[in-house]
Amino acid sequence: MVWELTTADPSAGEPVVTRHATYDEVFDHIRATYDPGGYYADEGSGSLQNYLHGEGYEFDYRELDT
């Protein structure tokens, strides 16, 4: 199994798709890529997504059979 993350990034012209080995790696990627300064470091994954959604990001992730 692999996790696919599709991100609507307001600075990108089209959705960005990445794949990750685990669910935790999905959120590690979100934190490292979209909150590199750690502004939301104390937030859980749901709150992190909500705050980033307010900045124009949208995240869709799903588990795929490999």
PDB file of N, CA and C in Angstrom:
ATOM      1  N   MET A   1       0.837  -1.181   0.000  1.00  0.00           N
ATOM      2  CA  MET A   1       0.000   0.000   0.000  1.00  0.00           C
ATOM      3  C   MET A   1       0.884   1.248   0.000  1.00  0.00           C
ATOM      4  N   VAL A   2       0.374   2.281  -0.604  1.00  0.00           N
ATOM      5  CA  VAL A   2       1.060   3.565  -0.651  1.00  0.00           C
ATOM      6  C   VAL A   2      -0.001   4.651  -0.504  1.00  0.00           C
ATOM      7  N   TRP A   3       0.398   5.775   0.050  1.00  0.00           N
ATOM      8  CA  TRP A   3      -0.509   6.911   0.222  1.00  0.00           C
ATOM      9  C   TRP A   3      -0.223   7.947  -0.842  1.00  0.00           C
ATOM     10  N   GLU A   4      -1.284   8.407  -1.498  1.00  0.00           N
ATOM     11  CA  GLU A   4      -1.166   9.458  -2.494  1.00  0.00           C
ATOM     12  C   GLU A   4      -1.765  10.739  -1.925  1.00  0.00           C
ATOM     13  N   LEU A   5      -0.995  11.806  -1.979  1.00  0.00           N
ATOM     14  CA  LEU A   5      -1.424  13.118  -1.504  1.00  0.00           C
ATOM     15  C   LEU A   5      -1.540  14.044  -2.703  1.00  0.00           C
ATOM     16  N   THR A   6      -2.722  14.631  -2.867  1.00  0.00           N
ATOM     17  CA  THR A   6      -2.937  15.634  -3.901  1.00  0.00           C
ATOM     18  C   THR A   6      -3.166  16.959  -3.198  1.00  0.00           C
ATOM     19  N   THR A   7      -2.348  17.937  -3.528  1.00  0.00           N
ATOM     20  CA  THR A   7      -2.409  19.238  -2.866  1.00  0.00           C
ATOM     21  C   THR A   7      -2.740  20.322  -3.876  1.00  0.00           C
ATOM     22  N   ALA A   8      -3.787  21.089  -3.567  1.00  0.00           N
ATOM     23  CA  ALA A   8      -4.073  22.304  -4.325  1.00  0.00           C
ATOM     24  C   ALA A   8      -3.282  23.408  -3.636  1.00  0.00           C
ATOM     25  N   ASP A   9      -2.235  23.843  -4.294  1.00  0.00           N
ATOM     26  CA  ASP A   9      -1.314  24.840  -3.758  1.00  0.00           C
ATOM     27  C   ASP A   9      -1.593  26.163  -4.465  1.00  0.00           C
ATOM     28  N   PRO A  10      -1.930  27.219  -3.720  1.00  0.00           N
ATOM     29  CA  PRO A  10      -2.267  28.486  -4.375  1.00  0.00           C
ATOM     30  C   PRO A  10      -1.122  29.078  -5.202  1.00  0.00           C
ATOM     31  N   SER A  11       0.109  28.644  -4.961  1.00  0.00           N
ATOM     32  CA  SER A  11       1.235  29.177  -5.734  1.00  0.00           C
ATOM     33  C   SER A  11       1.584  28.299  -6.937  1.00  0.00           C
ATOM     34  N   ALA A  12       0.899  27.153  -7.072  1.00  0.00           N
ATOM     35  CA  ALA A  12       1.141  26.255  -8.206  1.00  0.00           C
ATOM     36  C   ALA A  12      -0.029  26.357  -9.179  1.00  0.00           C
ATOM     37  N   GLY A  13       0.243  26.182 -10.434  1.00  0.00           N
ATOM     38  CA  GLY A  13      -0.795  26.292 -11.442  1.00  0.00           C
ATOM     39  C   GLY A  13      -1.742  25.110 -11.491  1.00  0.00           C
ATOM     40  N   GLU A  14      -1.291  23.973 -10.994  1.00  0.00           N
ATOM     41  CA  GLU A  14      -2.114  22.768 -11.007  1.00  0.00           C
ATOM     42  C   GLU A  14      -1.821  21.960  -9.755  1.00  0.00           C
ATOM     43  N   PRO A  15      -2.683  20.986  -9.427  1.00  0.00           N
ATOM     44  CA  PRO A  15      -2.467  20.198  -8.206  1.00  0.00           C
ATOM     45  C   PRO A  15      -1.110  19.488  -8.209  1.00  0.00           C
ATOM     46  N   VAL A  16      -0.550  19.362  -7.028  1.00  0.00           N
ATOM     47  CA  VAL A  16       0.729  18.689  -6.831  1.00  0.00           C
ATOM     48  C   VAL A  16       0.436  17.315  -6.233  1.00  0.00           C
ATOM     49  N   VAL A  17       0.934  16.251  -6.873  1.00  0.00           N
ATOM     50  CA  VAL A  17       0.687  14.887  -6.410  1.00  0.00           C
ATOM     51  C   VAL A  17       2.001  14.283  -5.933  1.00  0.00           C
ATOM     52  N   THR A  18       1.976  13.746  -4.712  1.00  0.00           N
ATOM     53  CA  THR A  18       3.143  13.049  -4.160  1.00  0.00           C
ATOM     54  C   THR A  18       2.677  11.717  -3.594  1.00  0.00           C
ATOM     55  N   ARG A  19       3.596  10.779  -3.471  1.00  0.00           N
ATOM     56  CA  ARG A  19       3.280   9.461  -2.892  1.00  0.00           C
ATOM     57  C   ARG A  19       4.193   9.211  -1.706  1.00  0.00           C
ATOM     58  N   HIS A  20       3.616   8.524  -0.702  1.00  0.00           N
ATOM     59  CA  HIS A  20       4.309   8.306   0.563  1.00  0.00           C
ATOM     60  C   HIS A  20       4.047   6.888   1.051  1.00  0.00           C
ATOM     61  N   ALA A  21       5.016   6.322   1.735  1.00  0.00           N
ATOM     62  CA  ALA A  21       4.914   4.940   2.192  1.00  0.00           C
ATOM     63  C   ALA A  21       3.926   4.767   3.341  1.00  0.00           C
ATOM     64  N   THR A  22       3.771   5.780   4.182  1.00  0.00           N
ATOM     65  CA  THR A  22       2.888   5.661   5.342  1.00  0.00           C
ATOM     66  C   THR A  22       2.033   6.914   5.496  1.00  0.00           C
ATOM     67  N   TYR A  23       0.972   6.765   6.258  1.00  0.00           N
ATOM     68  CA  TYR A  23       0.090   7.886   6.587  1.00  0.00           C
ATOM     69  C   TYR A  23       0.872   8.984   7.305  1.00  0.00           C
ATOM     70  N   ASP A  24       1.740   8.594   8.236  1.00  0.00           N
ATOM     71  CA  ASP A  24       2.544   9.578   8.969  1.00  0.00           C
ATOM     72  C   ASP A  24       3.449  10.375   8.034  1.00  0.00           C
ATOM     73  N   GLU A  25       3.976   9.721   7.007  1.00  0.00           N
ATOM     74  CA  GLU A  25       4.833  10.420   6.048  1.00  0.00           C
ATOM     75  C   GLU A  25       4.060  11.472   5.256  1.00  0.00           C
ATOM     76  N   VAL A  26       2.752  11.244   5.059  1.00  0.00           N
ATOM     77  CA  VAL A  26       1.918  12.248   4.387  1.00  0.00           C
ATOM     78  C   VAL A  26       1.970  13.546   5.185  1.00  0.00           C
ATOM     79  N   PHE A  27       1.762  13.448   6.500  1.00  0.00           N
ATOM     80  CA  PHE A  27       1.729  14.654   7.317  1.00  0.00           C
ATOM     81  C   PHE A  27       3.113  15.222   7.584  1.00  0.00           C
ATOM     82  N   ASP A  28       4.121  14.373   7.607  1.00  0.00           N
ATOM     83  CA  ASP A  28       5.494  14.886   7.682  1.00  0.00           C
ATOM     84  C   ASP A  28       5.790  15.738   6.446  1.00  0.00           C
ATOM     85  N   HIS A  29       5.330  15.268   5.291  1.00  0.00           N
ATOM     86  CA  HIS A  29       5.526  16.018   4.044  1.00  0.00           C
ATOM     87  C   HIS A  29       4.765  17.341   4.078  1.00  0.00           C
ATOM     88  N   ILE A  30       3.507  17.306   4.529  1.00  0.00           N
ATOM     89  CA  ILE A  30       2.712  18.536   4.608  1.00  0.00           C
ATOM     90  C   ILE A  30       3.411  19.545   5.511  1.00  0.00           C
ATOM     91  N   ARG A  31       3.850  19.092   6.681  1.00  0.00           N
ATOM     92  CA  ARG A  31       4.529  20.003   7.616  1.00  0.00           C
ATOM     93  C   ARG A  31       5.817  20.568   7.013  1.00  0.00           C
ATOM     94  N   ALA A  32       6.637  19.700   6.434  1.00  0.00           N
ATOM     95  CA  ALA A  32       7.934  20.135   5.897  1.00  0.00           C
ATOM     96  C   ALA A  32       7.784  21.058   4.687  1.00  0.00           C
ATOM     97  N   THR A  33       6.773  20.805   3.870  1.00  0.00           N
ATOM     98  CA  THR A  33       6.617  21.553   2.623  1.00  0.00           C
ATOM     99  C   THR A  33       5.801  22.824   2.790  1.00  0.00           C
ATOM    100  N   TYR A  34       4.720  22.742   3.556  1.00  0.00           N
ATOM    101  CA  TYR A  34       3.780  23.863   3.618  1.00  0.00           C
ATOM    102  C   TYR A  34       3.826  24.637   4.935  1.00  0.00           C
ATOM    103  N   ASP A  35       4.601  24.162   5.896  1.00  0.00           N
ATOM    104  CA  ASP A  35       4.824  24.894   7.148  1.00  0.00           C
ATOM    105  C   ASP A  35       6.285  24.735   7.570  1.00  0.00           C
ATOM    106  N   PRO A  36       7.227  25.074   6.667  1.00  0.00           N
ATOM    107  CA  PRO A  36       8.643  24.828   6.967  1.00  0.00           C
ATOM    108  C   PRO A  36       9.168  25.607   8.164  1.00  0.00           C
ATOM    109  N   GLY A  37       8.551  26.724   8.491  1.00  0.00           N
ATOM    110  CA  GLY A  37       8.988  27.507   9.645  1.00  0.00           C
ATOM    111  C   GLY A  37       8.447  26.987  10.959  1.00  0.00           C
ATOM    112  N   GLY A  38       7.550  25.996  10.889  1.00  0.00           N
ATOM    113  CA  GLY A  38       7.005  25.407  12.103  1.00  0.00           C
ATOM    114  C   GLY A  38       5.991  26.271  12.824  1.00  0.00           C
ATOM    115  N   TYR A  39       5.363  27.194  12.116  1.00  0.00           N
ATOM    116  CA  TYR A  39       4.376  28.088  12.728  1.00  0.00           C
ATOM    117  C   TYR A  39       3.249  27.298  13.391  1.00  0.00           C
ATOM    118  N   TYR A  40       2.842  26.194  12.764  1.00  0.00           N
ATOM    119  CA  TYR A  40       1.755  25.362  13.298  1.00  0.00           C
ATOM    120  C   TYR A  40       2.287  24.067  13.924  1.00  0.00           C
ATOM    121  N   ALA A  41       3.517  24.074  14.391  1.00  0.00           N
ATOM    122  CA  ALA A  41       4.179  22.865  14.887  1.00  0.00           C
ATOM    123  C   ALA A  41       3.441  22.196  16.042  1.00  0.00           C
ATOM    124  N   ASP A  42       2.727  22.962  16.847  1.00  0.00           N
ATOM    125  CA  ASP A  42       2.029  22.390  18.000  1.00  0.00           C
ATOM    126  C   ASP A  42       0.633  21.885  17.660  1.00  0.00           C
ATOM    127  N   GLU A  43       0.230  22.012  16.412  1.00  0.00           N
ATOM    128  CA  GLU A  43      -1.113  21.607  15.998  1.00  0.00           C
ATOM    129  C   GLU A  43      -1.127  20.153  15.545  1.00  0.00           C
ATOM    130  N   GLY A  44      -2.245  19.486  15.775  1.00  0.00           N
ATOM    131  CA  GLY A  44      -2.445  18.139  15.258  1.00  0.00           C
ATOM    132  C   GLY A  44      -2.681  18.193  13.759  1.00  0.00           C
ATOM    133  N   SER A  45      -2.760  17.033  13.132  1.00  0.00           N
ATOM    134  CA  SER A  45      -2.875  17.001  11.673  1.00  0.00           C
ATOM    135  C   SER A  45      -4.156  17.662  11.173  1.00  0.00           C
ATOM    136  N   GLY A  46      -5.273  17.488  11.878  1.00  0.00           N
ATOM    137  CA  GLY A  46      -6.528  18.111  11.457  1.00  0.00           C
ATOM    138  C   GLY A  46      -6.480  19.620  11.552  1.00  0.00           C
ATOM    139  N   SER A  47      -5.969  20.127  12.665  1.00  0.00           N
ATOM    140  CA  SER A  47      -5.855  21.578  12.834  1.00  0.00           C
ATOM    141  C   SER A  47      -4.875  22.165  11.831  1.00  0.00           C
ATOM    142  N   LEU A  48      -3.782  21.464  11.591  1.00  0.00           N
ATOM    143  CA  LEU A  48      -2.801  21.920  10.604  1.00  0.00           C
ATOM    144  C   LEU A  48      -3.467  22.095   9.244  1.00  0.00           C
ATOM    145  N   GLN A  49      -4.238  21.101   8.828  1.00  0.00           N
ATOM    146  CA  GLN A  49      -4.920  21.188   7.537  1.00  0.00           C
ATOM    147  C   GLN A  49      -5.907  22.348   7.517  1.00  0.00           C
ATOM    148  N   ASN A  50      -6.637  22.549   8.611  1.00  0.00           N
ATOM    149  CA  ASN A  50      -7.600  23.654   8.677  1.00  0.00           C
ATOM    150  C   ASN A  50      -6.905  25.005   8.559  1.00  0.00           C
ATOM    151  N   TYR A  51      -5.816  25.187   9.279  1.00  0.00           N
ATOM    152  CA  TYR A  51      -5.086  26.454   9.201  1.00  0.00           C
ATOM    153  C   TYR A  51      -4.535  26.686   7.798  1.00  0.00           C
ATOM    154  N   LEU A  52      -3.953  25.646   7.203  1.00  0.00           N
ATOM    155  CA  LEU A  52      -3.401  25.790   5.860  1.00  0.00           C
ATOM    156  C   LEU A  52      -4.507  25.985   4.822  1.00  0.00           C
ATOM    157  N   HIS A  53      -5.674  25.399   5.065  1.00  0.00           N
ATOM    158  CA  HIS A  53      -6.817  25.624   4.175  1.00  0.00           C
ATOM    159  C   HIS A  53      -7.173  27.111   4.155  1.00  0.00           C
ATOM    160  N   GLY A  54      -7.082  27.744   5.314  1.00  0.00           N
ATOM    161  CA  GLY A  54      -7.335  29.179   5.403  1.00  0.00           C
ATOM    162  C   GLY A  54      -6.343  30.005   4.599  1.00  0.00           C
ATOM    163  N   GLU A  55      -5.190  29.422   4.296  1.00  0.00           N
ATOM    164  CA  GLU A  55      -4.179  30.096   3.474  1.00  0.00           C
ATOM    165  C   GLU A  55      -4.295  29.709   1.998  1.00  0.00           C
ATOM    166  N   GLY A  56      -5.320  28.907   1.670  1.00  0.00           N
ATOM    167  CA  GLY A  56      -5.564  28.553   0.274  1.00  0.00           C
ATOM    168  C   GLY A  56      -5.158  27.154  -0.150  1.00  0.00           C
ATOM    169  N   TYR A  57      -4.633  26.359   0.764  1.00  0.00           N
ATOM    170  CA  TYR A  57      -4.226  24.989   0.435  1.00  0.00           C
ATOM    171  C   TYR A  57      -5.397  24.036   0.650  1.00  0.00           C
ATOM    172  N   GLU A  58      -5.462  23.006  -0.187  1.00  0.00           N
ATOM    173  CA  GLU A  58      -6.436  21.935   0.000  1.00  0.00           C
ATOM    174  C   GLU A  58      -5.699  20.616  -0.159  1.00  0.00           C
ATOM    175  N   PHE A  59      -6.002  19.673   0.743  1.00  0.00           N
ATOM    176  CA  PHE A  59      -5.315  18.388   0.751  1.00  0.00           C
ATOM    177  C   PHE A  59      -6.320  17.258   0.579  1.00  0.00           C
ATOM    178  N   ASP A  60      -5.981  16.320  -0.285  1.00  0.00           N
ATOM    179  CA  ASP A  60      -6.776  15.113  -0.480  1.00  0.00           C
ATOM    180  C   ASP A  60      -5.790  13.954  -0.477  1.00  0.00           C
ATOM    181  N   TYR A  61      -6.011  12.984   0.383  1.00  0.00           N
ATOM    182  CA  TYR A  61      -5.098  11.855   0.447  1.00  0.00           C
ATOM    183  C   TYR A  61      -5.894  10.572   0.508  1.00  0.00           C
ATOM    184  N   ARG A  62      -5.293   9.527  -0.061  1.00  0.00           N
ATOM    185  CA  ARG A  62      -5.963   8.231  -0.085  1.00  0.00           C
ATOM    186  C   ARG A  62      -4.920   7.133  -0.148  1.00  0.00           C
ATOM    187  N   GLU A  63      -5.321   5.974   0.319  1.00  0.00           N
ATOM    188  CA  GLU A  63      -4.439   4.814   0.300  1.00  0.00           C
ATOM    189  C   GLU A  63      -4.683   4.037  -0.992  1.00  0.00           C
ATOM    190  N   LEU A  64      -3.617   3.691  -1.677  1.00  0.00           N
ATOM    191  CA  LEU A  64      -3.701   2.975  -2.947  1.00  0.00           C
ATOM    192  C   LEU A  64      -3.108   1.583  -2.816  1.00  0.00           C
ATOM    193  N   ASP A  65      -3.696   0.635  -3.511  1.00  0.00           N
ATOM    194  CA  ASP A  65      -3.088  -0.691  -3.610  1.00  0.00           C
ATOM    195  C   ASP A  65      -1.906  -0.597  -4.560  1.00  0.00           C
ATOM    196  N   THR A  66      -0.839  -1.303  -4.238  1.00  0.00           N
ATOM    197  CA  THR A  66       0.325  -1.275  -5.130  1.00  0.00           C
ATOM    198  C   THR A  66       0.555  -2.626  -5.741  1.00  0.00           C
TER     199      THR A  66
END
